């Protein structure tokens, strides 16, 4: 599966090909728009969210932003490395600075998200 994006600038990608756990974070574009990230708050493993729920908070020197669940499901792991070092979000937003790993309750929700080409066109508007 390729990476999928939301209009709120979250991304989702499969942890492993054909796996049932997905990595969720904010896009490189979102990290650039935020500026220097100074604080990240993540949900605990075991919490469940519906698509669109407030799931996490990211604060920068410019603004505080909610991060919304791009899919419905259960958190299986939070990336505490970015809680300890929020600047990692600016360094590698779509790589090592992922926010959570989720097990989706409705994988079909992924089909409604933008692929990389559609997301690139969306942010270019």
N, C-alpha and C. Protein backbone atom coordinates (compact mmCIF):
# COMPACT_ATOMS: atom_id res chain seq x y z
N UNK A 1 0.84 -1.19 0.00
CA UNK A 1 0.00 0.00 0.00
C UNK A 1 0.88 1.25 0.00
N UNK A 2 0.45 2.17 -0.78
CA UNK A 2 1.16 3.45 -0.79
C UNK A 2 0.70 4.27 0.42
N UNK A 3 1.30 5.40 0.58
CA UNK A 3 0.89 6.31 1.65
C UNK A 3 -0.42 6.98 1.24
N UNK A 4 -1.31 7.17 2.21
CA UNK A 4 -2.58 7.87 1.98
C UNK A 4 -2.61 9.11 2.86
N UNK A 5 -3.30 10.15 2.40
CA UNK A 5 -3.34 11.43 3.11
C UNK A 5 -4.77 11.92 3.31
N UNK A 6 -4.94 12.76 4.34
CA UNK A 6 -6.22 13.42 4.58
C UNK A 6 -6.08 14.91 4.24
N UNK A 7 -7.23 15.59 4.14
CA UNK A 7 -7.21 17.03 3.90
C UNK A 7 -6.70 17.79 5.12
N UNK A 8 -6.64 17.12 6.29
CA UNK A 8 -6.09 17.73 7.50
C UNK A 8 -4.60 17.45 7.65
N UNK A 9 -4.01 16.86 6.62
CA UNK A 9 -2.56 16.64 6.53
C UNK A 9 -2.02 15.52 7.43
N UNK A 10 -2.87 14.54 7.74
CA UNK A 10 -2.38 13.32 8.37
C UNK A 10 -2.07 12.32 7.26
N UNK A 11 -1.15 11.40 7.56
CA UNK A 11 -0.88 10.33 6.60
C UNK A 11 -1.07 8.98 7.29
N UNK A 12 -1.28 7.96 6.47
CA UNK A 12 -1.42 6.58 6.93
C UNK A 12 -0.64 5.71 5.95
N UNK A 13 0.16 4.78 6.49
CA UNK A 13 0.81 3.79 5.63
C UNK A 13 0.87 2.46 6.40
N UNK A 14 0.84 1.37 5.66
CA UNK A 14 0.91 0.05 6.28
C UNK A 14 2.28 -0.13 6.93
N UNK A 15 2.29 -0.70 8.14
CA UNK A 15 3.57 -0.96 8.81
C UNK A 15 4.36 -2.00 8.03
N UNK A 16 3.66 -3.05 7.59
CA UNK A 16 4.28 -4.07 6.75
C UNK A 16 3.32 -4.36 5.61
N UNK A 17 3.85 -4.77 4.48
CA UNK A 17 3.01 -5.05 3.32
C UNK A 17 1.99 -6.12 3.67
N UNK A 18 0.71 -5.82 3.46
CA UNK A 18 -0.35 -6.77 3.75
C UNK A 18 -0.67 -6.92 5.23
N UNK A 19 -0.03 -6.10 6.08
CA UNK A 19 -0.28 -6.19 7.52
C UNK A 19 -1.57 -5.52 7.92
N UNK A 20 -1.93 -5.65 9.20
CA UNK A 20 -3.17 -5.04 9.67
C UNK A 20 -2.91 -3.91 10.66
N UNK A 21 -1.66 -3.44 10.73
CA UNK A 21 -1.30 -2.30 11.58
C UNK A 21 -0.80 -1.18 10.67
N UNK A 22 -1.29 0.03 10.94
CA UNK A 22 -0.95 1.18 10.10
C UNK A 22 -0.26 2.26 10.91
N UNK A 23 0.73 2.89 10.29
CA UNK A 23 1.47 3.99 10.91
C UNK A 23 0.76 5.29 10.54
N UNK A 24 0.56 6.15 11.54
CA UNK A 24 -0.15 7.41 11.35
C UNK A 24 0.73 8.55 11.84
N UNK A 25 0.72 9.66 11.11
CA UNK A 25 1.46 10.84 11.53
C UNK A 25 0.98 12.06 10.77
N UNK A 26 1.74 13.15 10.87
CA UNK A 26 1.41 14.34 10.09
C UNK A 26 2.37 14.43 8.91
N UNK A 27 1.90 15.01 7.83
CA UNK A 27 2.70 15.08 6.61
C UNK A 27 3.88 16.04 6.77
N UNK A 28 4.84 15.87 5.88
CA UNK A 28 5.99 16.77 5.85
C UNK A 28 5.50 18.21 5.64
N UNK A 29 4.50 18.37 4.78
CA UNK A 29 3.92 19.70 4.51
C UNK A 29 3.37 20.31 5.80
N UNK A 30 2.64 19.51 6.59
CA UNK A 30 2.07 20.01 7.85
C UNK A 30 3.18 20.44 8.80
N UNK A 31 4.23 19.63 8.89
CA UNK A 31 5.35 19.96 9.79
C UNK A 31 6.01 21.27 9.35
N UNK A 32 6.15 21.47 8.04
CA UNK A 32 6.74 22.70 7.53
C UNK A 32 5.86 23.91 7.86
N UNK A 33 4.54 23.74 7.72
CA UNK A 33 3.60 24.83 8.01
C UNK A 33 3.60 25.19 9.49
N UNK A 34 3.76 24.20 10.35
CA UNK A 34 3.76 24.44 11.79
C UNK A 34 5.00 25.20 12.25
N UNK A 35 6.12 24.97 11.60
CA UNK A 35 7.37 25.54 12.08
C UNK A 35 7.96 24.65 13.16
N UNK A 36 8.78 25.21 14.03
CA UNK A 36 9.49 24.41 15.03
C UNK A 36 8.54 23.79 16.04
N UNK A 37 8.43 22.46 16.01
CA UNK A 37 7.55 21.74 16.93
C UNK A 37 8.22 21.66 18.30
N UNK A 38 7.47 22.07 19.34
CA UNK A 38 8.02 22.11 20.70
C UNK A 38 7.30 21.18 21.67
N UNK A 39 6.14 20.62 21.27
CA UNK A 39 5.37 19.77 22.18
C UNK A 39 4.51 18.82 21.37
N UNK A 40 4.45 17.56 21.80
CA UNK A 40 3.57 16.57 21.18
C UNK A 40 2.89 15.79 22.29
N UNK A 41 1.57 15.62 22.18
CA UNK A 41 0.81 14.80 23.11
C UNK A 41 0.14 13.69 22.31
N UNK A 42 0.38 12.45 22.72
CA UNK A 42 -0.14 11.30 22.00
C UNK A 42 -1.09 10.49 22.87
N UNK A 43 -2.01 9.75 22.26
CA UNK A 43 -2.92 8.89 23.03
C UNK A 43 -2.20 7.62 23.49
N UNK A 44 -2.74 7.01 24.52
CA UNK A 44 -2.18 5.75 25.04
C UNK A 44 -2.61 4.57 24.18
N UNK A 45 -1.78 3.54 24.18
CA UNK A 45 -2.14 2.28 23.52
C UNK A 45 -3.43 1.77 24.15
N UNK A 46 -4.29 1.19 23.33
CA UNK A 46 -5.55 0.66 23.81
C UNK A 46 -6.73 1.60 23.59
N UNK A 47 -6.46 2.89 23.41
CA UNK A 47 -7.55 3.83 23.15
C UNK A 47 -8.09 3.60 21.74
N UNK A 48 -9.39 3.81 21.59
CA UNK A 48 -9.99 3.69 20.26
C UNK A 48 -10.54 5.04 19.81
N UNK A 49 -10.52 5.23 18.50
CA UNK A 49 -10.98 6.49 17.91
C UNK A 49 -11.83 6.19 16.69
N UNK A 50 -12.76 7.10 16.43
CA UNK A 50 -13.49 7.08 15.18
C UNK A 50 -12.80 8.06 14.24
N UNK A 51 -12.91 7.80 12.95
CA UNK A 51 -12.32 8.68 11.95
C UNK A 51 -12.77 10.12 12.23
N UNK A 52 -11.80 11.05 12.29
CA UNK A 52 -12.12 12.45 12.51
C UNK A 52 -12.04 12.91 13.96
N UNK A 53 -11.94 11.95 14.90
CA UNK A 53 -11.82 12.32 16.32
C UNK A 53 -10.49 13.03 16.58
N UNK A 54 -10.48 13.96 17.55
CA UNK A 54 -9.22 14.52 18.03
C UNK A 54 -8.43 13.38 18.64
N UNK A 55 -7.20 13.18 18.16
CA UNK A 55 -6.42 12.03 18.60
C UNK A 55 -5.13 12.44 19.31
N UNK A 56 -4.54 13.55 18.87
CA UNK A 56 -3.26 13.98 19.42
C UNK A 56 -3.18 15.50 19.31
N UNK A 57 -2.15 16.08 19.95
CA UNK A 57 -1.92 17.52 19.87
C UNK A 57 -0.47 17.74 19.51
N UNK A 58 -0.24 18.69 18.63
CA UNK A 58 1.12 19.10 18.29
C UNK A 58 1.19 20.62 18.40
N UNK A 59 2.21 21.10 19.11
CA UNK A 59 2.37 22.53 19.28
C UNK A 59 3.72 22.95 18.72
N UNK A 60 3.71 24.12 18.08
CA UNK A 60 4.94 24.69 17.56
C UNK A 60 5.08 26.09 18.14
N UNK A 61 6.15 26.75 17.78
CA UNK A 61 6.34 28.13 18.24
C UNK A 61 5.25 29.02 17.64
N UNK A 62 4.63 28.60 16.53
CA UNK A 62 3.59 29.39 15.86
C UNK A 62 2.18 29.10 16.36
N UNK A 63 1.86 27.81 16.59
CA UNK A 63 0.47 27.43 16.84
C UNK A 63 0.36 26.06 17.49
N UNK A 64 -0.82 25.80 18.03
CA UNK A 64 -1.15 24.46 18.52
C UNK A 64 -2.20 23.89 17.56
N UNK A 65 -2.06 22.62 17.25
CA UNK A 65 -2.99 21.98 16.31
C UNK A 65 -3.41 20.62 16.82
N UNK A 66 -4.68 20.32 16.60
CA UNK A 66 -5.15 18.97 16.87
C UNK A 66 -4.76 18.07 15.71
N UNK A 67 -4.49 16.84 16.02
CA UNK A 67 -4.25 15.83 15.00
C UNK A 67 -5.46 14.89 15.07
N UNK A 68 -6.10 14.69 13.92
CA UNK A 68 -7.33 13.91 13.87
C UNK A 68 -7.04 12.48 13.43
N UNK A 69 -7.83 11.56 13.95
CA UNK A 69 -7.68 10.16 13.54
C UNK A 69 -8.07 10.06 12.06
N UNK A 70 -7.16 9.65 11.20
CA UNK A 70 -7.49 9.56 9.78
C UNK A 70 -8.33 8.33 9.45
N UNK A 71 -8.32 7.37 10.36
CA UNK A 71 -9.12 6.15 10.22
C UNK A 71 -9.65 5.77 11.61
N UNK A 72 -10.69 4.97 11.62
CA UNK A 72 -11.22 4.45 12.89
C UNK A 72 -10.39 3.25 13.30
N UNK A 73 -10.16 3.13 14.61
CA UNK A 73 -9.43 1.96 15.07
C UNK A 73 -8.83 2.14 16.44
N UNK A 74 -7.99 1.17 16.80
CA UNK A 74 -7.38 1.13 18.13
C UNK A 74 -5.89 1.45 18.03
N UNK A 75 -5.42 2.26 18.98
CA UNK A 75 -3.99 2.57 19.06
C UNK A 75 -3.28 1.34 19.62
N UNK A 76 -2.25 0.88 18.91
CA UNK A 76 -1.48 -0.25 19.42
C UNK A 76 -0.12 0.20 19.95
N UNK A 77 0.33 1.39 19.52
CA UNK A 77 1.60 1.92 20.01
C UNK A 77 1.67 3.42 19.76
N UNK A 78 2.23 4.15 20.70
CA UNK A 78 2.50 5.58 20.52
C UNK A 78 4.00 5.76 20.43
N UNK A 79 4.43 6.73 19.64
CA UNK A 79 5.86 6.99 19.42
C UNK A 79 6.35 7.97 20.48
N UNK A 80 6.74 7.45 21.64
CA UNK A 80 7.17 8.31 22.74
C UNK A 80 8.47 9.06 22.45
N UNK A 81 9.21 8.64 21.43
CA UNK A 81 10.44 9.35 21.06
C UNK A 81 10.14 10.79 20.67
N UNK A 82 8.97 11.03 20.02
CA UNK A 82 8.65 12.40 19.62
C UNK A 82 8.04 13.21 20.77
N UNK A 83 7.55 12.53 21.79
CA UNK A 83 7.10 13.22 23.00
C UNK A 83 8.34 13.77 23.72
N UNK A 84 9.38 12.93 23.78
CA UNK A 84 10.63 13.32 24.43
C UNK A 84 11.42 14.35 23.61
N UNK A 85 11.36 14.22 22.29
CA UNK A 85 12.09 15.12 21.39
C UNK A 85 11.18 15.58 20.26
N UNK A 86 10.30 16.57 20.53
CA UNK A 86 9.33 17.01 19.52
C UNK A 86 9.95 17.52 18.22
N UNK A 87 11.18 18.04 18.27
CA UNK A 87 11.83 18.56 17.07
C UNK A 87 12.00 17.49 15.99
N UNK A 88 11.95 16.21 16.38
CA UNK A 88 12.06 15.12 15.40
C UNK A 88 10.95 15.21 14.35
N UNK A 89 9.80 15.78 14.74
CA UNK A 89 8.69 15.92 13.80
C UNK A 89 9.12 16.78 12.61
N UNK A 90 9.88 17.82 12.86
CA UNK A 90 10.36 18.67 11.76
C UNK A 90 11.44 17.98 10.93
N UNK A 91 12.21 17.12 11.57
CA UNK A 91 13.32 16.47 10.89
C UNK A 91 12.87 15.33 9.97
N UNK A 92 11.85 14.57 10.38
CA UNK A 92 11.48 13.36 9.63
C UNK A 92 10.00 13.04 9.84
N UNK A 93 9.13 13.98 9.46
CA UNK A 93 7.69 13.85 9.74
C UNK A 93 7.09 12.55 9.20
N UNK A 94 7.48 12.16 8.00
CA UNK A 94 6.86 10.98 7.40
C UNK A 94 7.73 9.73 7.54
N UNK A 95 8.73 9.81 8.42
CA UNK A 95 9.60 8.66 8.66
C UNK A 95 9.60 8.31 10.12
N UNK A 96 10.73 8.57 10.79
CA UNK A 96 10.91 8.17 12.18
C UNK A 96 9.99 8.91 13.15
N UNK A 97 9.42 10.05 12.74
CA UNK A 97 8.58 10.85 13.64
C UNK A 97 7.09 10.56 13.46
N UNK A 98 6.76 9.30 13.21
CA UNK A 98 5.35 8.90 13.18
C UNK A 98 4.73 9.13 14.56
N UNK A 99 3.42 9.25 14.62
CA UNK A 99 2.72 9.53 15.89
C UNK A 99 2.25 8.25 16.58
N UNK A 100 1.46 7.45 15.87
CA UNK A 100 0.92 6.22 16.47
C UNK A 100 0.85 5.11 15.43
N UNK A 101 0.70 3.90 15.96
CA UNK A 101 0.37 2.75 15.12
C UNK A 101 -1.05 2.35 15.49
N UNK A 102 -1.87 2.14 14.47
CA UNK A 102 -3.29 1.83 14.67
C UNK A 102 -3.67 0.53 13.99
N UNK A 103 -4.62 -0.16 14.61
CA UNK A 103 -5.25 -1.32 13.98
C UNK A 103 -6.64 -0.84 13.55
N UNK A 104 -6.87 -0.71 12.23
CA UNK A 104 -8.15 -0.13 11.79
C UNK A 104 -9.33 -1.05 12.04
N UNK A 105 -10.47 -0.42 12.38
CA UNK A 105 -11.70 -1.20 12.53
C UNK A 105 -12.46 -1.26 11.21
N UNK A 106 -12.14 -0.36 10.27
CA UNK A 106 -12.79 -0.35 8.96
C UNK A 106 -11.75 0.01 7.89
N UNK A 107 -10.97 -0.99 7.43
CA UNK A 107 -9.91 -0.71 6.46
C UNK A 107 -10.41 -0.03 5.18
N UNK A 108 -11.69 -0.14 4.88
CA UNK A 108 -12.24 0.49 3.67
C UNK A 108 -12.13 2.02 3.74
N UNK A 109 -11.99 2.58 4.96
CA UNK A 109 -11.82 4.04 5.08
C UNK A 109 -10.57 4.53 4.36
N UNK A 110 -9.58 3.66 4.24
CA UNK A 110 -8.34 4.03 3.55
C UNK A 110 -8.60 4.36 2.09
N UNK A 111 -9.59 3.70 1.49
CA UNK A 111 -9.87 3.91 0.07
C UNK A 111 -10.35 5.32 -0.23
N UNK A 112 -10.92 6.01 0.76
CA UNK A 112 -11.44 7.35 0.55
C UNK A 112 -10.36 8.43 0.69
N UNK A 113 -9.16 8.03 1.11
CA UNK A 113 -8.08 9.00 1.33
C UNK A 113 -7.33 9.27 0.03
N UNK A 114 -6.59 10.39 0.00
CA UNK A 114 -5.83 10.78 -1.18
C UNK A 114 -4.52 9.99 -1.28
N UNK A 115 -4.15 9.65 -2.51
CA UNK A 115 -2.83 9.07 -2.71
C UNK A 115 -1.82 10.23 -2.82
N UNK A 116 -0.55 9.89 -3.01
CA UNK A 116 0.48 10.94 -3.01
C UNK A 116 0.26 11.98 -4.10
N UNK A 117 -0.14 11.57 -5.30
CA UNK A 117 -0.36 12.52 -6.39
C UNK A 117 -1.52 13.46 -6.08
N UNK A 118 -2.61 12.92 -5.56
CA UNK A 118 -3.77 13.75 -5.23
C UNK A 118 -3.43 14.71 -4.09
N UNK A 119 -2.66 14.24 -3.11
CA UNK A 119 -2.27 15.10 -2.00
C UNK A 119 -1.36 16.22 -2.48
N UNK A 120 -0.42 15.91 -3.36
CA UNK A 120 0.48 16.93 -3.91
C UNK A 120 -0.32 18.01 -4.64
N UNK A 121 -1.34 17.59 -5.40
CA UNK A 121 -2.20 18.55 -6.09
C UNK A 121 -3.00 19.37 -5.09
N UNK A 122 -3.49 18.71 -4.03
CA UNK A 122 -4.27 19.39 -2.99
C UNK A 122 -3.46 20.50 -2.30
N UNK A 123 -2.22 20.21 -1.94
CA UNK A 123 -1.43 21.24 -1.23
C UNK A 123 -0.90 22.32 -2.17
N UNK A 124 -0.90 22.03 -3.47
CA UNK A 124 -0.44 23.02 -4.45
C UNK A 124 -1.51 24.08 -4.73
N UNK A 125 -2.76 23.78 -4.37
CA UNK A 125 -3.87 24.69 -4.67
C UNK A 125 -3.75 25.99 -3.91
